[in-house]
Amino acid sequence: MRRTVFCLLAAFCLCALSSVSVQAQVTCEVKEGPFVENDTTFLRKIYYKSPNPSECYTHSLYVETDRRSSAYQDFLRCSYDADFDMPWMLSQIDAVCRKFALSADLPAALNGVYLPLYKFQGRYYLYTVCEGKVWMQIAKPFFIARYAGESVPYGIVRAGQTSESYRLQVDNGWDKSLRTIEIFPIGEEKGVYVWKCRSEDGDVSYELYVEKSKAGAFDLLNWRITELEDEFDKFEPIDYEGIIRAKKLF
């Protein structure tokens, strides 16, 4: 009995010492911005330090202003992964085609890929979401929502237009979280739109998007990381209804 207790105490002490050792090996320091280093504006830097120099590294979130940079160009490559996405996508679209009589009246001006905009300190940015790219695509007669790591196709069942907005009714037979999309142009020459989305239960949400072809008007907030980090949490709420009333972003 005493031997068993001794063994348990020894195991507990070993675990405790191991935990202390691990904590001693890697420490973390977070530097919040914005601050400028070497002509680059950083919003966040996370320093990981270790007694072993090869294990020291930095994660950073910075403002990418160079439209020709690899980071900016990679962000704009919002397209299907032909080997991974397309077989599944085509099977789902085929099911939607059989279920719904899809509208052919969608305004051609809406066809395209749309990227979300975020607000920080009064300015609007593109942003690389850690979990994966997010974008929306209208490709008559389909609407495709690309969430983090997943593409979801919908059929455009009905489309219409008023003096204020475009209106789409979408369905894919299984997702009840999205049924109607009302798209408000906010200076169409800039390719910016407020999307008002409504679920089957009547829940309403808003998003701000820019056409991919005109996204170069906005800087990119980009992560330089070696591992997945927590999302940036300093974005500001957007007055979507105020933007709709003013019909301008700035």
C-alpha atoms as a PDB file:
ATOM      1  CA  MET A   1       0.000   0.000   0.000  1.00  0.00           C
ATOM      2  CA  ARG A   2       2.769   2.427   1.020  1.00  0.00           C
ATOM      3  CA  ARG A   3       4.675   1.492  -2.151  1.00  0.00           C
ATOM      4  CA  THR A   4       1.603   2.275  -4.284  1.00  0.00           C
ATOM      5  CA  VAL A   5       1.175   5.671  -2.634  1.00  0.00           C
ATOM      6  CA  PHE A   6       4.876   6.413  -3.151  1.00  0.00           C
ATOM      7  CA  CYS A   7       4.637   5.522  -6.848  1.00  0.00           C
ATOM      8  CA  LEU A   8       1.603   7.760  -7.307  1.00  0.00           C
ATOM      9  CA  LEU A   9       3.367  10.659  -5.578  1.00  0.00           C
ATOM     10  CA  ALA A  10       6.450  10.148  -7.744  1.00  0.00           C
ATOM     11  CA  ALA A  11       4.360  10.119 -10.913  1.00  0.00           C
ATOM     12  CA  PHE A  12       2.577  13.310  -9.834  1.00  0.00           C
ATOM     13  CA  CYS A  13       5.878  15.077  -9.132  1.00  0.00           C
ATOM     14  CA  LEU A  14       7.292  13.975 -12.485  1.00  0.00           C
ATOM     15  CA  CYS A  15       4.246  15.356 -14.314  1.00  0.00           C
ATOM     16  CA  ALA A  16       4.466  18.611 -12.406  1.00  0.00           C
ATOM     17  CA  LEU A  17       8.161  18.997 -13.203  1.00  0.00           C
ATOM     18  CA  SER A  18       7.515  18.207 -16.879  1.00  0.00           C
ATOM     19  CA  SER A  19       4.810  20.860 -16.998  1.00  0.00           C
ATOM     20  CA  VAL A  20       7.106  23.452 -15.444  1.00  0.00           C
ATOM     21  CA  SER A  21       9.849  22.459 -17.868  1.00  0.00           C
ATOM     22  CA  VAL A  22       7.570  22.922 -20.888  1.00  0.00           C
ATOM     23  CA  GLN A  23       6.372  26.291 -19.608  1.00  0.00           C
ATOM     24  CA  ALA A  24       9.985  27.339 -19.073  1.00  0.00           C
ATOM     25  CA  GLN A  25      10.944  26.343 -22.602  1.00  0.00           C
ATOM     26  CA  VAL A  26       8.389  28.460 -24.493  1.00  0.00           C
ATOM     27  CA  THR A  27       7.047  31.836 -23.429  1.00  0.00           C
ATOM     28  CA  CYS A  28       4.734  34.133 -25.337  1.00  0.00           C
ATOM     29  CA  GLU A  29       4.619  37.924 -25.729  1.00  0.00           C
ATOM     30  CA  VAL A  30       1.898  39.765 -27.637  1.00  0.00           C
ATOM     31  CA  LYS A  31       2.461  43.232 -29.036  1.00  0.00           C
ATOM     32  CA  GLU A  32      -0.705  45.020 -30.161  1.00  0.00           C
ATOM     33  CA  GLY A  33      -0.704  47.774 -32.785  1.00  0.00           C
ATOM     34  CA  PRO A  34      -0.946  49.486 -35.033  1.00  0.00           C
ATOM     35  CA  PHE A  35       2.766  50.257 -35.031  1.00  0.00           C
ATOM     36  CA  VAL A  36       5.292  50.692 -37.847  1.00  0.00           C
ATOM     37  CA  GLU A  37       8.490  48.685 -38.299  1.00  0.00           C
ATOM     38  CA  ASN A  38      10.624  48.953 -41.431  1.00  0.00           C
ATOM     39  CA  ASP A  39       7.867  50.734 -43.387  1.00  0.00           C
ATOM     40  CA  THR A  40       5.346  48.000 -42.558  1.00  0.00           C
ATOM     41  CA  THR A  41       2.310  48.645 -40.364  1.00  0.00           C
ATOM     42  CA  PHE A  42       1.653  45.796 -37.917  1.00  0.00           C
ATOM     43  CA  LEU A  43      -1.575  45.271 -36.017  1.00  0.00           C
ATOM     44  CA  ARG A  44      -0.279  42.401 -33.919  1.00  0.00           C
ATOM     45  CA  LYS A  45       2.949  40.538 -33.265  1.00  0.00           C
ATOM     46  CA  ILE A  46       3.216  37.396 -31.181  1.00  0.00           C
ATOM     47  CA  TYR A  47       6.722  36.387 -30.117  1.00  0.00           C
ATOM     48  CA  TYR A  48       7.486  32.768 -29.215  1.00  0.00           C
ATOM     49  CA  LYS A  49      10.802  32.358 -27.405  1.00  0.00           C
ATOM     50  CA  SER A  50      12.713  29.252 -26.420  1.00  0.00           C
ATOM     51  CA  PRO A  51      16.137  28.399 -24.994  1.00  0.00           C
ATOM     52  CA  ASN A  52      16.682  26.715 -28.355  1.00  0.00           C
ATOM     53  CA  PRO A  53      17.176  29.536 -30.931  1.00  0.00           C
ATOM     54  CA  SER A  54      15.795  27.359 -33.725  1.00  0.00           C
ATOM     55  CA  GLU A  55      12.454  27.193 -31.885  1.00  0.00           C
ATOM     56  CA  CYS A  56      11.971  30.973 -31.672  1.00  0.00           C
ATOM     57  CA  TYR A  57       9.517  32.436 -34.165  1.00  0.00           C
ATOM     58  CA  THR A  58       7.050  35.271 -34.690  1.00  0.00           C
ATOM     59  CA  HIS A  59       3.450  35.434 -35.875  1.00  0.00           C
ATOM     60  CA  SER A  60       2.354  38.802 -37.211  1.00  0.00           C
ATOM     61  CA  LEU A  61      -0.706  40.506 -38.669  1.00  0.00           C
ATOM     62  CA  TYR A  62       0.262  43.381 -40.943  1.00  0.00           C
ATOM     63  CA  VAL A  63      -1.153  45.723 -43.575  1.00  0.00           C
ATOM     64  CA  GLU A  64      -0.191  44.569 -47.068  1.00  0.00           C
ATOM     65  CA  THR A  65      -0.241  47.579 -49.393  1.00  0.00           C
ATOM     66  CA  ASP A  66       1.687  46.110 -52.333  1.00  0.00           C
ATOM     67  CA  ARG A  67      -0.861  44.856 -54.861  1.00  0.00           C
ATOM     68  CA  ARG A  68       1.893  42.909 -56.656  1.00  0.00           C
ATOM     69  CA  SER A  69       3.054  41.022 -53.563  1.00  0.00           C
ATOM     70  CA  SER A  70       2.661  37.251 -53.401  1.00  0.00           C
ATOM     71  CA  ALA A  71       0.468  37.609 -50.301  1.00  0.00           C
ATOM     72  CA  TYR A  72      -1.969  39.953 -52.051  1.00  0.00           C
ATOM     73  CA  GLN A  73      -2.042  37.940 -55.267  1.00  0.00           C
ATOM     74  CA  ASP A  74      -2.576  34.689 -53.368  1.00  0.00           C
ATOM     75  CA  PHE A  75      -5.499  36.233 -51.525  1.00  0.00           C
ATOM     76  CA  LEU A  76      -7.135  37.132 -54.839  1.00  0.00           C
ATOM     77  CA  ARG A  77      -6.884  33.576 -56.133  1.00  0.00           C
ATOM     78  CA  CYS A  78     -10.389  32.737 -54.967  1.00  0.00           C
ATOM     79  CA  SER A  79     -11.345  29.772 -57.108  1.00  0.00           C
ATOM     80  CA  TYR A  80     -12.351  26.160 -56.821  1.00  0.00           C
ATOM     81  CA  ASP A  81      -9.808  23.497 -56.082  1.00  0.00           C
ATOM     82  CA  ALA A  82     -10.586  21.490 -59.200  1.00  0.00           C
ATOM     83  CA  ASP A  83      -9.462  18.164 -57.719  1.00  0.00           C
ATOM     84  CA  PHE A  84     -11.150  18.603 -54.343  1.00  0.00           C
ATOM     85  CA  ASP A  85     -14.176  20.872 -54.743  1.00  0.00           C
ATOM     86  CA  MET A  86     -15.525  20.365 -58.235  1.00  0.00           C
ATOM     87  CA  PRO A  87     -16.683  16.700 -58.204  1.00  0.00           C
ATOM     88  CA  TRP A  88     -18.697  17.298 -55.045  1.00  0.00           C
ATOM     89  CA  MET A  89     -19.894  20.690 -56.292  1.00  0.00           C
ATOM     90  CA  LEU A  90     -21.119  19.319 -59.614  1.00  0.00           C
ATOM     91  CA  SER A  91     -23.042  16.523 -57.891  1.00  0.00           C
ATOM     92  CA  GLN A  92     -24.751  19.026 -55.601  1.00  0.00           C
ATOM     93  CA  ILE A  93     -25.560  21.418 -58.452  1.00  0.00           C
ATOM     94  CA  ASP A  94     -27.047  18.544 -60.440  1.00  0.00           C
ATOM     95  CA  ALA A  95     -29.345  17.778 -57.493  1.00  0.00           C
ATOM     96  CA  VAL A  96     -30.361  21.453 -57.281  1.00  0.00           C
ATOM     97  CA  CYS A  97     -31.111  21.509 -61.034  1.00  0.00           C
ATOM     98  CA  ARG A  98     -33.430  18.529 -60.696  1.00  0.00           C
ATOM     99  CA  LYS A  99     -35.251  19.980 -57.695  1.00  0.00           C
ATOM    100  CA  PHE A 100     -35.782  23.601 -58.770  1.00  0.00           C
ATOM    101  CA  ALA A 101     -36.802  25.442 -61.916  1.00  0.00           C
ATOM    102  CA  LEU A 102     -33.950  27.945 -61.829  1.00  0.00           C
ATOM    103  CA  SER A 103     -34.481  31.531 -62.919  1.00  0.00           C
ATOM    104  CA  ALA A 104     -32.682  32.849 -65.995  1.00  0.00           C
ATOM    105  CA  ASP A 105     -33.557  36.490 -65.255  1.00  0.00           C
ATOM    106  CA  LEU A 106     -30.564  37.282 -63.070  1.00  0.00           C
ATOM    107  CA  PRO A 107     -29.004  40.643 -64.012  1.00  0.00           C
ATOM    108  CA  ALA A 108     -25.697  39.949 -65.753  1.00  0.00           C
ATOM    109  CA  ALA A 109     -24.087  42.756 -63.748  1.00  0.00           C
ATOM    110  CA  LEU A 110     -24.235  40.595 -60.620  1.00  0.00           C
ATOM    111  CA  ASN A 111     -22.195  37.690 -62.014  1.00  0.00           C
ATOM    112  CA  GLY A 112     -18.835  37.498 -60.271  1.00  0.00           C
ATOM    113  CA  VAL A 113     -16.896  36.717 -57.099  1.00  0.00           C
ATOM    114  CA  TYR A 114     -17.382  38.904 -53.999  1.00  0.00           C
ATOM    115  CA  LEU A 115     -14.888  39.315 -51.153  1.00  0.00           C
ATOM    116  CA  PRO A 116     -15.848  40.448 -47.619  1.00  0.00           C
ATOM    117  CA  LEU A 117     -14.674  43.790 -46.224  1.00  0.00           C
ATOM    118  CA  TYR A 118     -13.856  44.476 -42.566  1.00  0.00           C
ATOM    119  CA  LYS A 119     -13.579  47.754 -40.670  1.00  0.00           C
ATOM    120  CA  PHE A 120     -10.665  48.757 -38.440  1.00  0.00           C
ATOM    121  CA  GLN A 121     -10.115  52.269 -37.057  1.00  0.00           C
ATOM    122  CA  GLY A 122     -12.503  53.780 -39.572  1.00  0.00           C
ATOM    123  CA  ARG A 123     -10.956  52.139 -42.654  1.00  0.00           C
ATOM    124  CA  TYR A 124     -12.090  49.139 -44.659  1.00  0.00           C
ATOM    125  CA  TYR A 125      -9.811  46.195 -45.446  1.00  0.00           C
ATOM    126  CA  LEU A 126      -9.680  42.827 -47.075  1.00  0.00           C
ATOM    127  CA  TYR A 127      -8.664  40.203 -44.521  1.00  0.00           C
ATOM    128  CA  THR A 128      -7.189  36.703 -44.601  1.00  0.00           C
ATOM    129  CA  VAL A 129      -9.350  34.626 -42.276  1.00  0.00           C
ATOM    130  CA  CYS A 130      -7.193  32.076 -40.457  1.00  0.00           C
ATOM    131  CA  GLU A 131      -9.523  29.120 -41.017  1.00  0.00           C
ATOM    132  CA  GLY A 132      -9.638  29.619 -44.792  1.00  0.00           C
ATOM    133  CA  LYS A 133     -10.822  31.924 -47.544  1.00  0.00           C
ATOM    134  CA  VAL A 134     -14.347  33.326 -47.478  1.00  0.00           C
ATOM    135  CA  TRP A 135     -16.057  34.561 -50.631  1.00  0.00           C
ATOM    136  CA  MET A 136     -19.367  34.486 -52.467  1.00  0.00           C
ATOM    137  CA  GLN A 137     -19.982  33.850 -56.137  1.00  0.00           C
ATOM    138  CA  ILE A 138     -22.952  34.537 -58.361  1.00  0.00           C
ATOM    139  CA  ALA A 139     -22.813  32.504 -61.555  1.00  0.00           C
ATOM    140  CA  LYS A 140     -26.272  32.435 -63.136  1.00  0.00           C
ATOM    141  CA  PRO A 141     -28.314  30.417 -62.279  1.00  0.00           C
ATOM    142  CA  PHE A 142     -26.329  29.484 -59.167  1.00  0.00           C
ATOM    143  CA  PHE A 143     -25.122  31.169 -56.013  1.00  0.00           C
ATOM    144  CA  ILE A 144     -22.083  29.629 -54.272  1.00  0.00           C
ATOM    145  CA  ALA A 145     -21.049  30.507 -50.733  1.00  0.00           C
ATOM    146  CA  ARG A 146     -17.463  29.747 -49.815  1.00  0.00           C
ATOM    147  CA  TYR A 147     -17.139  29.570 -46.061  1.00  0.00           C
ATOM    148  CA  ALA A 148     -13.956  28.586 -44.224  1.00  0.00           C
ATOM    149  CA  GLY A 149     -13.031  25.279 -45.809  1.00  0.00           C
ATOM    150  CA  GLU A 150     -16.415  24.562 -47.421  1.00  0.00           C
ATOM    151  CA  SER A 151     -18.219  25.544 -50.629  1.00  0.00           C
ATOM    152  CA  VAL A 152     -22.037  25.463 -50.516  1.00  0.00           C
ATOM    153  CA  PRO A 153     -24.038  25.741 -53.789  1.00  0.00           C
ATOM    154  CA  TYR A 154     -27.554  27.145 -54.072  1.00  0.00           C
ATOM    155  CA  GLY A 155     -29.899  27.479 -56.983  1.00  0.00           C
ATOM    156  CA  ILE A 156     -31.232  30.977 -57.722  1.00  0.00           C
ATOM    157  CA  VAL A 157     -34.949  30.213 -57.725  1.00  0.00           C
ATOM    158  CA  ARG A 158     -36.104  33.768 -58.387  1.00  0.00           C
ATOM    159  CA  ALA A 159     -34.412  37.087 -59.133  1.00  0.00           C
ATOM    160  CA  GLY A 160     -35.709  40.626 -59.251  1.00  0.00           C
ATOM    161  CA  GLN A 161     -34.623  44.245 -59.151  1.00  0.00           C
ATOM    162  CA  THR A 162     -35.959  47.434 -57.594  1.00  0.00           C
ATOM    163  CA  SER A 163     -34.685  50.984 -57.736  1.00  0.00           C
ATOM    164  CA  GLU A 164     -32.758  50.298 -54.510  1.00  0.00           C
ATOM    165  CA  SER A 165     -31.514  46.730 -54.735  1.00  0.00           C
ATOM    166  CA  TYR A 166     -31.274  43.361 -56.411  1.00  0.00           C
ATOM    167  CA  ARG A 167     -33.217  40.521 -54.792  1.00  0.00           C
ATOM    168  CA  LEU A 168     -32.417  36.834 -55.021  1.00  0.00           C
ATOM    169  CA  GLN A 169     -34.303  33.855 -53.657  1.00  0.00           C
ATOM    170  CA  VAL A 170     -31.980  30.889 -53.229  1.00  0.00           C
ATOM    171  CA  ASP A 171     -32.419  27.270 -52.185  1.00  0.00           C
ATOM    172  CA  ASN A 172     -30.521  24.002 -52.280  1.00  0.00           C
ATOM    173  CA  GLY A 173     -33.001  21.717 -50.578  1.00  0.00           C
ATOM    174  CA  TRP A 174     -31.204  21.345 -47.252  1.00  0.00           C
ATOM    175  CA  ASP A 175     -29.760  24.606 -45.897  1.00  0.00           C
ATOM    176  CA  LYS A 176     -32.408  26.714 -44.164  1.00  0.00           C
ATOM    177  CA  SER A 177     -29.971  29.381 -42.951  1.00  0.00           C
ATOM    178  CA  LEU A 178     -30.162  31.244 -46.265  1.00  0.00           C
ATOM    179  CA  ARG A 179     -33.265  31.860 -48.342  1.00  0.00           C
ATOM    180  CA  THR A 180     -33.170  35.431 -49.645  1.00  0.00           C
ATOM    181  CA  ILE A 181     -30.362  37.856 -50.454  1.00  0.00           C
ATOM    182  CA  GLU A 182     -30.996  41.572 -50.999  1.00  0.00           C
ATOM    183  CA  ILE A 183     -27.986  43.283 -52.575  1.00  0.00           C
ATOM    184  CA  PHE A 184     -27.626  47.052 -52.243  1.00  0.00           C
ATOM    185  CA  PRO A 185     -25.142  48.790 -54.590  1.00  0.00           C
ATOM    186  CA  ILE A 186     -22.906  51.251 -52.729  1.00  0.00           C
ATOM    187  CA  GLY A 187     -21.365  53.159 -55.602  1.00  0.00           C
ATOM    188  CA  GLU A 188     -21.351  50.476 -58.299  1.00  0.00           C
ATOM    189  CA  GLU A 189     -18.256  51.969 -59.930  1.00  0.00           C
ATOM    190  CA  LYS A 190     -16.351  50.858 -56.794  1.00  0.00           C
ATOM    191  CA  GLY A 191     -17.930  47.416 -56.835  1.00  0.00           C
ATOM    192  CA  VAL A 192     -19.057  47.644 -53.197  1.00  0.00           C
ATOM    193  CA  TYR A 193     -22.342  46.151 -52.005  1.00  0.00           C
ATOM    194  CA  VAL A 194     -24.194  45.554 -48.747  1.00  0.00           C
ATOM    195  CA  TRP A 195     -25.788  42.116 -48.659  1.00  0.00           C
ATOM    196  CA  LYS A 196     -28.847  41.609 -46.477  1.00  0.00           C
ATOM    197  CA  CYS A 197     -29.396  37.878 -45.952  1.00  0.00           C
ATOM    198  CA  ARG A 198     -32.496  36.277 -44.483  1.00  0.00           C
ATOM    199  CA  SER A 199     -32.967  32.690 -43.282  1.00  0.00           C
ATOM    200  CA  GLU A 200     -36.095  30.565 -43.622  1.00  0.00           C
ATOM    201  CA  ASP A 201     -36.903  31.443 -40.000  1.00  0.00           C
ATOM    202  CA  GLY A 202     -36.654  35.185 -40.708  1.00  0.00           C
ATOM    203  CA  ASP A 203     -33.265  35.812 -39.093  1.00  0.00           C
ATOM    204  CA  VAL A 204     -31.473  38.727 -40.778  1.00  0.00           C
ATOM    205  CA  SER A 205     -27.729  39.323 -41.152  1.00  0.00           C
ATOM    206  CA  TYR A 206     -25.674  41.879 -43.079  1.00  0.00           C
ATOM    207  CA  GLU A 207     -22.313  41.656 -44.828  1.00  0.00           C
ATOM    208  CA  LEU A 208     -20.180  44.102 -46.799  1.00  0.00           C
ATOM    209  CA  TYR A 209     -18.611  42.850 -50.034  1.00  0.00           C
ATOM    210  CA  VAL A 210     -16.476  44.135 -52.882  1.00  0.00           C
ATOM    211  CA  GLU A 211     -16.280  42.619 -56.346  1.00  0.00           C
ATOM    212  CA  LYS A 212     -13.064  40.662 -56.736  1.00  0.00           C
ATOM    213  CA  SER A 213     -12.277  42.538 -59.963  1.00  0.00           C
ATOM    214  CA  LYS A 214     -12.295  45.833 -58.027  1.00  0.00           C
ATOM    215  CA  ALA A 215     -10.814  44.631 -54.736  1.00  0.00           C
ATOM    216  CA  GLY A 216      -7.503  46.353 -55.477  1.00  0.00           C
ATOM    217  CA  ALA A 217      -8.938  49.567 -54.050  1.00  0.00           C
ATOM    218  CA  PHE A 218      -8.479  48.100 -50.550  1.00  0.00           C
ATOM    219  CA  ASP A 219      -5.411  47.158 -48.540  1.00  0.00           C
ATOM    220  CA  LEU A 220      -5.111  43.624 -47.187  1.00  0.00           C
ATOM    221  CA  LEU A 221      -4.706  42.624 -43.543  1.00  0.00           C
ATOM    222  CA  ASN A 222      -2.533  39.552 -43.845  1.00  0.00           C
ATOM    223  CA  TRP A 223      -1.216  37.004 -41.343  1.00  0.00           C
ATOM    224  CA  ARG A 224       2.395  35.884 -41.534  1.00  0.00           C
ATOM    225  CA  ILE A 225       2.245  32.725 -39.444  1.00  0.00           C
ATOM    226  CA  THR A 226       3.798  29.309 -39.045  1.00  0.00           C
ATOM    227  CA  GLU A 227       0.836  27.823 -37.177  1.00  0.00           C
ATOM    228  CA  LEU A 228      -2.852  28.645 -36.783  1.00  0.00           C
ATOM    229  CA  GLU A 229      -3.450  31.607 -34.476  1.00  0.00           C
ATOM    230  CA  ASP A 230      -6.535  33.144 -32.897  1.00  0.00           C
ATOM    231  CA  GLU A 231      -8.474  35.494 -35.136  1.00  0.00           C
ATOM    232  CA  PHE A 232      -7.887  39.222 -34.879  1.00  0.00           C
ATOM    233  CA  ASP A 233     -10.589  40.561 -32.572  1.00  0.00           C
ATOM    234  CA  LYS A 234     -10.366  44.337 -32.961  1.00  0.00           C
ATOM    235  CA  PHE A 235     -12.660  44.846 -35.959  1.00  0.00           C
ATOM    236  CA  GLU A 236     -15.343  47.497 -35.543  1.00  0.00           C
ATOM    237  CA  PRO A 237     -19.086  47.133 -36.096  1.00  0.00           C
ATOM    238  CA  ILE A 238     -20.302  48.383 -39.459  1.00  0.00           C
ATOM    239  CA  ASP A 239     -23.372  50.598 -39.813  1.00  0.00           C
ATOM    240  CA  TYR A 240     -24.849  48.677 -42.735  1.00  0.00           C
ATOM    241  CA  GLU A 241     -28.186  50.487 -42.742  1.00  0.00           C
ATOM    242  CA  GLY A 242     -26.425  53.855 -42.614  1.00  0.00           C
ATOM    243  CA  ILE A 243     -24.297  52.863 -45.601  1.00  0.00           C
ATOM    244  CA  ILE A 244     -27.423  51.769 -47.490  1.00  0.00           C
ATOM    245  CA  ARG A 245     -29.107  55.118 -46.791  1.00  0.00           C
ATOM    246  CA  ALA A 246     -26.067  57.142 -47.809  1.00  0.00           C
ATOM    247  CA  LYS A 247     -25.301  54.867 -50.801  1.00  0.00           C
ATOM    248  CA  LYS A 248     -21.605  55.397 -50.187  1.00  0.00           C
ATOM    249  CA  LEU A 249     -18.907  53.827 -48.075  1.00  0.00           C
ATOM    250  CA  PHE A 250     -16.798  56.879 -47.242  1.00  0.00           C
END
